Amino acid sequence: MEYQALIQPVISIILAIISGLWSYVASKANNKAEIEKQAKEHSHTVEKLEREFHHQIDTLKQQHAFELEKIKQAHELRLQELEKVSQLDTETDKS
């Protein structure tokens, strides 16, 4: 009879321990799943930022090349003008 009085609390304690362990394991699994989810989201964000960065760099390179070409053409035109002026000066000096 004495043992029966102890059996019920012991069973309750064992069930509480099992329930606590089960909650702990479930919590760890949820934490792991959440960490994996956040890692995946972070990875996608980083990939998106890398693509945007490369796109912006490519755009800047194209703009830079276009501007350099415009400057080169302007310099070539200026050089041609100077050569014409030089030719006219030479012809004027000969006359």
PDB file of N, CA and C in Angstrom:
ATOM      1  N   MET A   1       0.812  -1.176   0.000  1.00  0.00           N
ATOM      2  CA  MET A   1       0.000   0.000   0.000  1.00  0.00           C
ATOM      3  C   MET A   1       0.867   1.257   0.000  1.00  0.00           C
ATOM      4  N   GLU A   2       1.937   1.187   0.787  1.00  0.00           N
ATOM      5  CA  GLU A   2       2.829   2.341   0.831  1.00  0.00           C
ATOM      6  C   GLU A   2       3.416   2.618  -0.539  1.00  0.00           C
ATOM      7  N   TYR A   3       3.694   1.554  -1.245  1.00  0.00           N
ATOM      8  CA  TYR A   3       4.294   1.728  -2.562  1.00  0.00           C
ATOM      9  C   TYR A   3       3.305   2.346  -3.558  1.00  0.00           C
ATOM     10  N   GLN A   4       2.044   1.987  -3.425  1.00  0.00           N
ATOM     11  CA  GLN A   4       1.052   2.538  -4.343  1.00  0.00           C
ATOM     12  C   GLN A   4       0.945   4.048  -4.191  1.00  0.00           C
ATOM     13  N   ALA A   5       1.145   4.564  -3.033  1.00  0.00           N
ATOM     14  CA  ALA A   5       1.097   6.007  -2.809  1.00  0.00           C
ATOM     15  C   ALA A   5       2.278   6.679  -3.498  1.00  0.00           C
ATOM     16  N   LEU A   6       3.388   5.984  -3.615  1.00  0.00           N
ATOM     17  CA  LEU A   6       4.581   6.538  -4.267  1.00  0.00           C
ATOM     18  C   LEU A   6       4.558   6.330  -5.778  1.00  0.00           C
ATOM     19  N   ILE A   7       3.878   5.295  -6.231  1.00  0.00           N
ATOM     20  CA  ILE A   7       3.884   4.961  -7.659  1.00  0.00           C
ATOM     21  C   ILE A   7       3.250   6.080  -8.486  1.00  0.00           C
ATOM     22  N   GLN A   8       2.126   6.607  -8.041  1.00  0.00           N
ATOM     23  CA  GLN A   8       1.442   7.646  -8.824  1.00  0.00           C
ATOM     24  C   GLN A   8       2.319   8.897  -8.983  1.00  0.00           C
ATOM     25  N   PRO A   9       2.944   9.442  -7.945  1.00  0.00           N
ATOM     26  CA  PRO A   9       3.820  10.608  -8.137  1.00  0.00           C
ATOM     27  C   PRO A   9       5.043  10.284  -8.995  1.00  0.00           C
ATOM     28  N   VAL A  10       5.590   9.086  -8.844  1.00  0.00           N
ATOM     29  CA  VAL A  10       6.753   8.701  -9.646  1.00  0.00           C
ATOM     30  C   VAL A  10       6.358   8.626 -11.117  1.00  0.00           C
ATOM     31  N   ILE A  11       5.215   8.048 -11.408  1.00  0.00           N
ATOM     32  CA  ILE A  11       4.741   7.976 -12.792  1.00  0.00           C
ATOM     33  C   ILE A  11       4.531   9.389 -13.337  1.00  0.00           C
ATOM     34  N   SER A  12       3.961  10.264 -12.524  1.00  0.00           N
ATOM     35  CA  SER A  12       3.747  11.648 -12.960  1.00  0.00           C
ATOM     36  C   SER A  12       5.081  12.344 -13.230  1.00  0.00           C
ATOM     37  N   ILE A  13       6.047  12.110 -12.371  1.00  0.00           N
ATOM     38  CA  ILE A  13       7.376  12.712 -12.562  1.00  0.00           C
ATOM     39  C   ILE A  13       8.019  12.174 -13.829  1.00  0.00           C
ATOM     40  N   ILE A  14       7.935  10.875 -14.058  1.00  0.00           N
ATOM     41  CA  ILE A  14       8.516  10.270 -15.263  1.00  0.00           C
ATOM     42  C   ILE A  14       7.841  10.837 -16.508  1.00  0.00           C
ATOM     43  N   LEU A  15       6.513  10.943 -16.487  1.00  0.00           N
ATOM     44  CA  LEU A  15       5.791  11.512 -17.625  1.00  0.00           C
ATOM     45  C   LEU A  15       6.172  12.976 -17.845  1.00  0.00           C
ATOM     46  N   ALA A  16       6.354  13.717 -16.754  1.00  0.00           N
ATOM     47  CA  ALA A  16       6.761  15.124 -16.876  1.00  0.00           C
ATOM     48  C   ALA A  16       8.157  15.219 -17.482  1.00  0.00           C
ATOM     49  N   ILE A  17       9.056  14.333 -17.060  1.00  0.00           N
ATOM     50  CA  ILE A  17      10.417  14.322 -17.618  1.00  0.00           C
ATOM     51  C   ILE A  17      10.370  13.983 -19.099  1.00  0.00           C
ATOM     52  N   ILE A  18       9.601  12.972 -19.467  1.00  0.00           N
ATOM     53  CA  ILE A  18       9.479  12.586 -20.882  1.00  0.00           C
ATOM     54  C   ILE A  18       8.888  13.743 -21.686  1.00  0.00           C
ATOM     55  N   SER A  19       7.857  14.368 -21.146  1.00  0.00           N
ATOM     56  CA  SER A  19       7.233  15.500 -21.835  1.00  0.00           C
ATOM     57  C   SER A  19       8.229  16.647 -21.993  1.00  0.00           C
ATOM     58  N   GLY A  20       9.002  16.922 -20.951  1.00  0.00           N
ATOM     59  CA  GLY A  20      10.013  17.980 -21.016  1.00  0.00           C
ATOM     60  C   GLY A  20      11.082  17.672 -22.045  1.00  0.00           C
ATOM     61  N   LEU A  21      11.541  16.419 -22.052  1.00  0.00           N
ATOM     62  CA  LEU A  21      12.548  16.019 -23.035  1.00  0.00           C
ATOM     63  C   LEU A  21      11.987  16.121 -24.449  1.00  0.00           C
ATOM     64  N   TRP A  22      10.736  15.696 -24.605  1.00  0.00           N
ATOM     65  CA  TRP A  22      10.096  15.771 -25.923  1.00  0.00           C
ATOM     66  C   TRP A  22       9.990  17.227 -26.381  1.00  0.00           C
ATOM     67  N   SER A  23       9.608  18.109 -25.487  1.00  0.00           N
ATOM     68  CA  SER A  23       9.521  19.539 -25.816  1.00  0.00           C
ATOM     69  C   SER A  23      10.895  20.094 -26.171  1.00  0.00           C
ATOM     70  N   TYR A  24      11.909  19.671 -25.415  1.00  0.00           N
ATOM     71  CA  TYR A  24      13.275  20.129 -25.677  1.00  0.00           C
ATOM     72  C   TYR A  24      13.734  19.691 -27.069  1.00  0.00           C
ATOM     73  N   VAL A  25      13.499  18.419 -27.402  1.00  0.00           N
ATOM     74  CA  VAL A  25      13.898  17.897 -28.713  1.00  0.00           C
ATOM     75  C   VAL A  25      13.127  18.621 -29.825  1.00  0.00           C
ATOM     76  N   ALA A  26      11.843  18.826 -29.619  1.00  0.00           N
ATOM     77  CA  ALA A  26      11.032  19.525 -30.624  1.00  0.00           C
ATOM     78  C   ALA A  26      11.512  20.963 -30.791  1.00  0.00           C
ATOM     79  N   SER A  27      11.851  21.600 -29.683  1.00  0.00           N
ATOM     80  CA  SER A  27      12.356  22.977 -29.744  1.00  0.00           C
ATOM     81  C   SER A  27      13.671  23.036 -30.504  1.00  0.00           C
ATOM     82  N   LYS A  28      14.551  22.086 -30.226  1.00  0.00           N
ATOM     83  CA  LYS A  28      15.837  22.040 -30.952  1.00  0.00           C
ATOM     84  C   LYS A  28      15.607  21.832 -32.443  1.00  0.00           C
ATOM     85  N   ALA A  29      14.666  20.949 -32.779  1.00  0.00           N
ATOM     86  CA  ALA A  29      14.370  20.691 -34.195  1.00  0.00           C
ATOM     87  C   ALA A  29      13.812  21.955 -34.851  1.00  0.00           C
ATOM     88  N   ASN A  30      12.929  22.659 -34.140  1.00  0.00           N
ATOM     89  CA  ASN A  30      12.382  23.904 -34.687  1.00  0.00           C
ATOM     90  C   ASN A  30      13.473  24.951 -34.850  1.00  0.00           C
ATOM     91  N   ASN A  31      14.360  25.046 -33.866  1.00  0.00           N
ATOM     92  CA  ASN A  31      15.462  26.006 -33.959  1.00  0.00           C
ATOM     93  C   ASN A  31      16.360  25.679 -35.144  1.00  0.00           C
ATOM     94  N   LYS A  32      16.642  24.392 -35.319  1.00  0.00           N
ATOM     95  CA  LYS A  32      17.492  23.981 -36.438  1.00  0.00           C
ATOM     96  C   LYS A  32      16.812  24.307 -37.762  1.00  0.00           C
ATOM     97  N   ALA A  33      15.515  24.021 -37.843  1.00  0.00           N
ATOM     98  CA  ALA A  33      14.773  24.318 -39.073  1.00  0.00           C
ATOM     99  C   ALA A  33      14.747  25.824 -39.326  1.00  0.00           C
ATOM    100  N   GLU A  34      14.571  26.610 -38.268  1.00  0.00           N
ATOM    101  CA  GLU A  34      14.547  28.071 -38.416  1.00  0.00           C
ATOM    102  C   GLU A  34      15.917  28.586 -38.860  1.00  0.00           C
ATOM    103  N   ILE A  35      16.972  28.028 -38.286  1.00  0.00           N
ATOM    104  CA  ILE A  35      18.329  28.430 -38.679  1.00  0.00           C
ATOM    105  C   ILE A  35      18.570  28.090 -40.144  1.00  0.00           C
ATOM    106  N   GLU A  36      18.165  26.900 -40.560  1.00  0.00           N
ATOM    107  CA  GLU A  36      18.328  26.507 -41.963  1.00  0.00           C
ATOM    108  C   GLU A  36      17.509  27.417 -42.882  1.00  0.00           C
ATOM    109  N   LYS A  37      16.297  27.768 -42.460  1.00  0.00           N
ATOM    110  CA  LYS A  37      15.443  28.658 -43.250  1.00  0.00           C
ATOM    111  C   LYS A  37      16.106  30.026 -43.394  1.00  0.00           C
ATOM    112  N   GLN A  38      16.618  30.568 -42.292  1.00  0.00           N
ATOM    113  CA  GLN A  38      17.272  31.873 -42.335  1.00  0.00           C
ATOM    114  C   GLN A  38      18.547  31.822 -43.169  1.00  0.00           C
ATOM    115  N   ALA A  39      19.280  30.728 -43.073  1.00  0.00           N
ATOM    116  CA  ALA A  39      20.500  30.586 -43.872  1.00  0.00           C
ATOM    117  C   ALA A  39      20.163  30.574 -45.359  1.00  0.00           C
ATOM    118  N   LYS A  40      19.088  29.871 -45.718  1.00  0.00           N
ATOM    119  CA  LYS A  40      18.665  29.820 -47.118  1.00  0.00           C
ATOM    120  C   LYS A  40      18.234  31.206 -47.598  1.00  0.00           C
ATOM    121  N   GLU A  41      17.460  31.919 -46.770  1.00  0.00           N
ATOM    122  CA  GLU A  41      17.031  33.275 -47.127  1.00  0.00           C
ATOM    123  C   GLU A  41      18.238  34.198 -47.278  1.00  0.00           C
ATOM    124  N   HIS A  42      19.178  34.068 -46.362  1.00  0.00           N
ATOM    125  CA  HIS A  42      20.395  34.887 -46.421  1.00  0.00           C
ATOM    126  C   HIS A  42      21.171  34.586 -47.697  1.00  0.00           C
ATOM    127  N   SER A  43      21.266  33.318 -48.037  1.00  0.00           N
ATOM    128  CA  SER A  43      21.974  32.917 -49.250  1.00  0.00           C
ATOM    129  C   SER A  43      21.315  33.521 -50.482  1.00  0.00           C
ATOM    130  N   HIS A  44      19.989  33.472 -50.532  1.00  0.00           N
ATOM    131  CA  HIS A  44      19.261  34.056 -51.670  1.00  0.00           C
ATOM    132  C   HIS A  44      19.472  35.567 -51.733  1.00  0.00           C
ATOM    133  N   THR A  45      19.460  36.205 -50.576  1.00  0.00           N
ATOM    134  CA  THR A  45      19.673  37.658 -50.527  1.00  0.00           C
ATOM    135  C   THR A  45      21.064  38.006 -51.030  1.00  0.00           C
ATOM    136  N   VAL A  46      22.063  37.251 -50.587  1.00  0.00           N
ATOM    137  CA  VAL A  46      23.442  37.501 -51.019  1.00  0.00           C
ATOM    138  C   VAL A  46      23.567  37.296 -52.526  1.00  0.00           C
ATOM    139  N   GLU A  47      22.976  36.225 -53.050  1.00  0.00           N
ATOM    140  CA  GLU A  47      23.026  35.973 -54.498  1.00  0.00           C
ATOM    141  C   GLU A  47      22.359  37.109 -55.273  1.00  0.00           C
ATOM    142  N   LYS A  48      21.222  37.582 -54.777  1.00  0.00           N
ATOM    143  CA  LYS A  48      20.514  38.685 -55.440  1.00  0.00           C
ATOM    144  C   LYS A  48      21.382  39.943 -55.440  1.00  0.00           C
ATOM    145  N   LEU A  49      21.994  40.243 -54.303  1.00  0.00           N
ATOM    146  CA  LEU A  49      22.860  41.421 -54.213  1.00  0.00           C
ATOM    147  C   LEU A  49      24.069  41.295 -55.132  1.00  0.00           C
ATOM    148  N   GLU A  50      24.628  40.093 -55.225  1.00  0.00           N
ATOM    149  CA  GLU A  50      25.769  39.876 -56.129  1.00  0.00           C
ATOM    150  C   GLU A  50      25.356  40.115 -57.579  1.00  0.00           C
ATOM    151  N   ARG A  51      24.184  39.603 -57.967  1.00  0.00           N
ATOM    152  CA  ARG A  51      23.702  39.821 -59.342  1.00  0.00           C
ATOM    153  C   ARG A  51      23.496  41.310 -59.612  1.00  0.00           C
ATOM    154  N   GLU A  52      22.873  42.002 -58.662  1.00  0.00           N
ATOM    155  CA  GLU A  52      22.648  43.439 -58.831  1.00  0.00           C
ATOM    156  C   GLU A  52      23.976  44.185 -58.931  1.00  0.00           C
ATOM    157  N   PHE A  53      24.926  43.807 -58.093  1.00  0.00           N
ATOM    158  CA  PHE A  53      26.238  44.448 -58.099  1.00  0.00           C
ATOM    159  C   PHE A  53      26.926  44.244 -59.446  1.00  0.00           C
ATOM    160  N   HIS A  54      26.918  43.012 -59.939  1.00  0.00           N
ATOM    161  CA  HIS A  54      27.563  42.735 -61.227  1.00  0.00           C
ATOM    162  C   HIS A  54      26.855  43.485 -62.359  1.00  0.00           C
ATOM    163  N   HIS A  55      25.534  43.564 -62.287  1.00  0.00           N
ATOM    164  CA  HIS A  55      24.781  44.307 -63.302  1.00  0.00           C
ATOM    165  C   HIS A  55      25.171  45.785 -63.270  1.00  0.00           C
ATOM    166  N   GLN A  56      25.265  46.346 -62.075  1.00  0.00           N
ATOM    167  CA  GLN A  56      25.639  47.756 -61.953  1.00  0.00           C
ATOM    168  C   GLN A  56      27.058  47.993 -62.451  1.00  0.00           C
ATOM    169  N   ILE A  57      27.964  47.073 -62.133  1.00  0.00           N
ATOM    170  CA  ILE A  57      29.352  47.201 -62.602  1.00  0.00           C
ATOM    171  C   ILE A  57      29.386  47.140 -64.124  1.00  0.00           C
ATOM    172  N   ASP A  58      28.652  46.193 -64.715  1.00  0.00           N
ATOM    173  CA  ASP A  58      28.613  46.084 -66.180  1.00  0.00           C
ATOM    174  C   ASP A  58      28.049  47.353 -66.808  1.00  0.00           C
ATOM    175  N   THR A  59      26.993  47.896 -66.202  1.00  0.00           N
ATOM    176  CA  THR A  59      26.403  49.138 -66.711  1.00  0.00           C
ATOM    177  C   THR A  59      27.415  50.278 -66.643  1.00  0.00           C
ATOM    178  N   LEU A  60      28.119  50.377 -65.521  1.00  0.00           N
ATOM    179  CA  LEU A  60      29.131  51.433 -65.382  1.00  0.00           C
ATOM    180  C   LEU A  60      30.262  51.262 -66.392  1.00  0.00           C
ATOM    181  N   LYS A  61      30.657  50.024 -66.631  1.00  0.00           N
ATOM    182  CA  LYS A  61      31.706  49.773 -67.625  1.00  0.00           C
ATOM    183  C   LYS A  61      31.247  50.220 -69.010  1.00  0.00           C
ATOM    184  N   GLN A  62      30.006  49.896 -69.354  1.00  0.00           N
ATOM    185  CA  GLN A  62      29.472  50.298 -70.661  1.00  0.00           C
ATOM    186  C   GLN A  62      29.400  51.814 -70.778  1.00  0.00           C
ATOM    187  N   GLN A  63      28.932  52.465 -69.721  1.00  0.00           N
ATOM    188  CA  GLN A  63      28.855  53.929 -69.739  1.00  0.00           C
ATOM    189  C   GLN A  63      30.246  54.539 -69.867  1.00  0.00           C
ATOM    190  N   HIS A  64      31.185  53.986 -69.144  1.00  0.00           N
ATOM    191  CA  HIS A  64      32.558  54.485 -69.180  1.00  0.00           C
ATOM    192  C   HIS A  64      33.151  54.315 -70.581  1.00  0.00           C
ATOM    193  N   ALA A  65      32.947  53.154 -71.176  1.00  0.00           N
ATOM    194  CA  ALA A  65      33.462  52.911 -72.528  1.00  0.00           C
ATOM    195  C   ALA A  65      32.820  53.878 -73.524  1.00  0.00           C
ATOM    196  N   PHE A  66      31.519  54.119 -73.385  1.00  0.00           N
ATOM    197  CA  PHE A  66      30.820  55.046 -74.278  1.00  0.00           C
ATOM    198  C   PHE A  66      31.372  56.464 -74.117  1.00  0.00           C
ATOM    199  N   GLU A  67      31.564  56.887 -72.873  1.00  0.00           N
ATOM    200  CA  GLU A  67      32.100  58.225 -72.623  1.00  0.00           C
ATOM    201  C   GLU A  67      33.529  58.358 -73.151  1.00  0.00           C
ATOM    202  N   LEU A  68      34.328  57.310 -72.972  1.00  0.00           N
ATOM    203  CA  LEU A  68      35.694  57.343 -73.505  1.00  0.00           C
ATOM    204  C   LEU A  68      35.687  57.454 -75.026  1.00  0.00           C
ATOM    205  N   GLU A  69      34.773  56.726 -75.663  1.00  0.00           N
ATOM    206  CA  GLU A  69      34.674  56.785 -77.127  1.00  0.00           C
ATOM    207  C   GLU A  69      34.266  58.190 -77.575  1.00  0.00           C
ATOM    208  N   LYS A  70      33.321  58.803 -76.863  1.00  0.00           N
ATOM    209  CA  LYS A  70      32.912  60.170 -77.200  1.00  0.00           C
ATOM    210  C   LYS A  70      34.088  61.138 -77.056  1.00  0.00           C
ATOM    211  N   ILE A  71      34.859  61.001 -75.994  1.00  0.00           N
ATOM    212  CA  ILE A  71      36.019  61.875 -75.783  1.00  0.00           C
ATOM    213  C   ILE A  71      37.061  61.645 -76.865  1.00  0.00           C
ATOM    214  N   LYS A  72      37.270  60.376 -77.211  1.00  0.00           N
ATOM    215  CA  LYS A  72      38.236  60.047 -78.267  1.00  0.00           C
ATOM    216  C   LYS A  72      37.820  60.689 -79.588  1.00  0.00           C
ATOM    217  N   GLN A  73      36.545  60.577 -79.929  1.00  0.00           N
ATOM    218  CA  GLN A  73      36.051  61.180 -81.171  1.00  0.00           C
ATOM    219  C   GLN A  73      36.189  62.699 -81.138  1.00  0.00           C
ATOM    220  N   ALA A  74      35.896  63.301 -79.997  1.00  0.00           N
ATOM    221  CA  ALA A  74      36.031  64.756 -79.876  1.00  0.00           C
ATOM    222  C   ALA A  74      37.485  65.174 -80.061  1.00  0.00           C
ATOM    223  N   HIS A  75      38.403  64.408 -79.495  1.00  0.00           N
ATOM    224  CA  HIS A  75      39.827  64.716 -79.646  1.00  0.00           C
ATOM    225  C   HIS A  75      40.286  64.537 -81.091  1.00  0.00           C
ATOM    226  N   GLU A  76      39.768  63.493 -81.747  1.00  0.00           N
ATOM    227  CA  GLU A  76      40.127  63.286 -83.156  1.00  0.00           C
ATOM    228  C   GLU A  76      39.621  64.444 -84.019  1.00  0.00           C
ATOM    229  N   LEU A  77      38.399  64.895 -83.762  1.00  0.00           N
ATOM    230  CA  LEU A  77      37.864  66.048 -84.503  1.00  0.00           C
ATOM    231  C   LEU A  77      38.699  67.300 -84.241  1.00  0.00           C
ATOM    232  N   ARG A  78      39.058  67.506 -82.991  1.00  0.00           N
ATOM    233  CA  ARG A  78      39.882  68.673 -82.651  1.00  0.00           C
ATOM    234  C   ARG A  78      41.242  68.576 -83.334  1.00  0.00           C
ATOM    235  N   LEU A  79      41.815  67.385 -83.383  1.00  0.00           N
ATOM    236  CA  LEU A  79      43.105  67.188 -84.050  1.00  0.00           C
ATOM    237  C   LEU A  79      42.981  67.490 -85.540  1.00  0.00           C
ATOM    238  N   GLN A  80      41.894  67.025 -86.157  1.00  0.00           N
ATOM    239  CA  GLN A  80      41.679  67.315 -87.580  1.00  0.00           C
ATOM    240  C   GLN A  80      41.548  68.820 -87.811  1.00  0.00           C
ATOM    241  N   GLU A  81      40.828  69.499 -86.929  1.00  0.00           N
ATOM    242  CA  GLU A  81      40.694  70.953 -87.057  1.00  0.00           C
ATOM    243  C   GLU A  81      42.054  71.635 -86.944  1.00  0.00           C
ATOM    244  N   LEU A  82      42.847  71.182 -85.988  1.00  0.00           N
ATOM    245  CA  LEU A  82      44.177  71.776 -85.806  1.00  0.00           C
ATOM    246  C   LEU A  82      45.074  71.511 -87.015  1.00  0.00           C
ATOM    247  N   GLU A  83      44.950  70.305 -87.593  1.00  0.00           N
ATOM    248  CA  GLU A  83      45.747  69.997 -88.788  1.00  0.00           C
ATOM    249  C   GLU A  83      45.328  70.892 -89.951  1.00  0.00           C
ATOM    250  N   LYS A  84      44.020  71.153 -90.099  1.00  0.00           N
ATOM    251  CA  LYS A  84      43.543  72.048 -91.160  1.00  0.00           C
ATOM    252  C   LYS A  84      44.070  73.466 -90.943  1.00  0.00           C
ATOM    253  N   VAL A  85      44.008  73.929 -89.696  1.00  0.00           N
ATOM    254  CA  VAL A  85      44.516  75.270 -89.388  1.00  0.00           C
ATOM    255  C   VAL A  85      46.006  75.340 -89.661  1.00  0.00           C
ATOM    256  N   SER A  86      46.707  74.280 -89.298  1.00  0.00           N
ATOM    257  CA  SER A  86      48.152  74.247 -89.542  1.00  0.00           C
ATOM    258  C   SER A  86      48.441  74.278 -91.039  1.00  0.00           C
ATOM    259  N   GLN A  87      47.664  73.528 -91.806  1.00  0.00           N
ATOM    260  CA  GLN A  87      47.828  73.528 -93.269  1.00  0.00           C
ATOM    261  C   GLN A  87      47.570  74.922 -93.837  1.00  0.00           C
ATOM    262  N   LEU A  88      46.507  75.564 -93.380  1.00  0.00           N
ATOM    263  CA  LEU A  88      46.187  76.910 -93.849  1.00  0.00           C
ATOM    264  C   LEU A  88      47.298  77.895 -93.479  1.00  0.00           C
ATOM    265  N   ASP A  89      47.844  77.749 -92.291  1.00  0.00           N
ATOM    266  CA  ASP A  89      48.954  78.620 -91.883  1.00  0.00           C
ATOM    267  C   ASP A  89      50.166  78.395 -92.769  1.00  0.00           C
ATOM    268  N   THR A  90      50.424  77.117 -93.065  1.00  0.00           N
ATOM    269  CA  THR A  90      51.569  76.803 -93.919  1.00  0.00           C
ATOM    270  C   THR A  90      51.357  77.394 -95.305  1.00  0.00           C
ATOM    271  N   GLU A  91      50.156  77.256 -95.849  1.00  0.00           N
ATOM    272  CA  GLU A  91      49.859  77.809 -97.171  1.00  0.00           C
ATOM    273  C   GLU A  91      49.932  79.335 -97.152  1.00  0.00           C
ATOM    274  N   THR A  92      49.463  79.922 -96.065  1.00  0.00           N
ATOM    275  CA  THR A  92      49.506  81.383 -95.951  1.00  0.00           C
ATOM    276  C   THR A  92      50.948  81.864 -95.863  1.00  0.00           C
ATOM    277  N   ASP A  93      51.761  81.128 -95.128  1.00  0.00           N
ATOM    278  CA  ASP A  93      53.173  81.500 -94.997  1.00  0.00           C
ATOM    279  C   ASP A  93      53.893  81.374 -96.330  1.00  0.00           C
ATOM    280  N   LYS A  94      53.534  80.379 -97.145  1.00  0.00           N
ATOM    281  CA  LYS A  94      54.175  80.182 -98.446  1.00  0.00           C
ATOM    282  C   LYS A  94      53.775  81.296 -99.416  1.00  0.00           C
ATOM    283  N   SER A  95      52.614  81.852 -99.249  1.00  0.00           N
ATOM    284  CA  SER A  95      52.123  82.871-100.187  1.00  0.00           C
ATOM    285  C   SER A  95      52.754  84.168 -99.940  1.00  0.00           C
TER     286      SER A  95
END
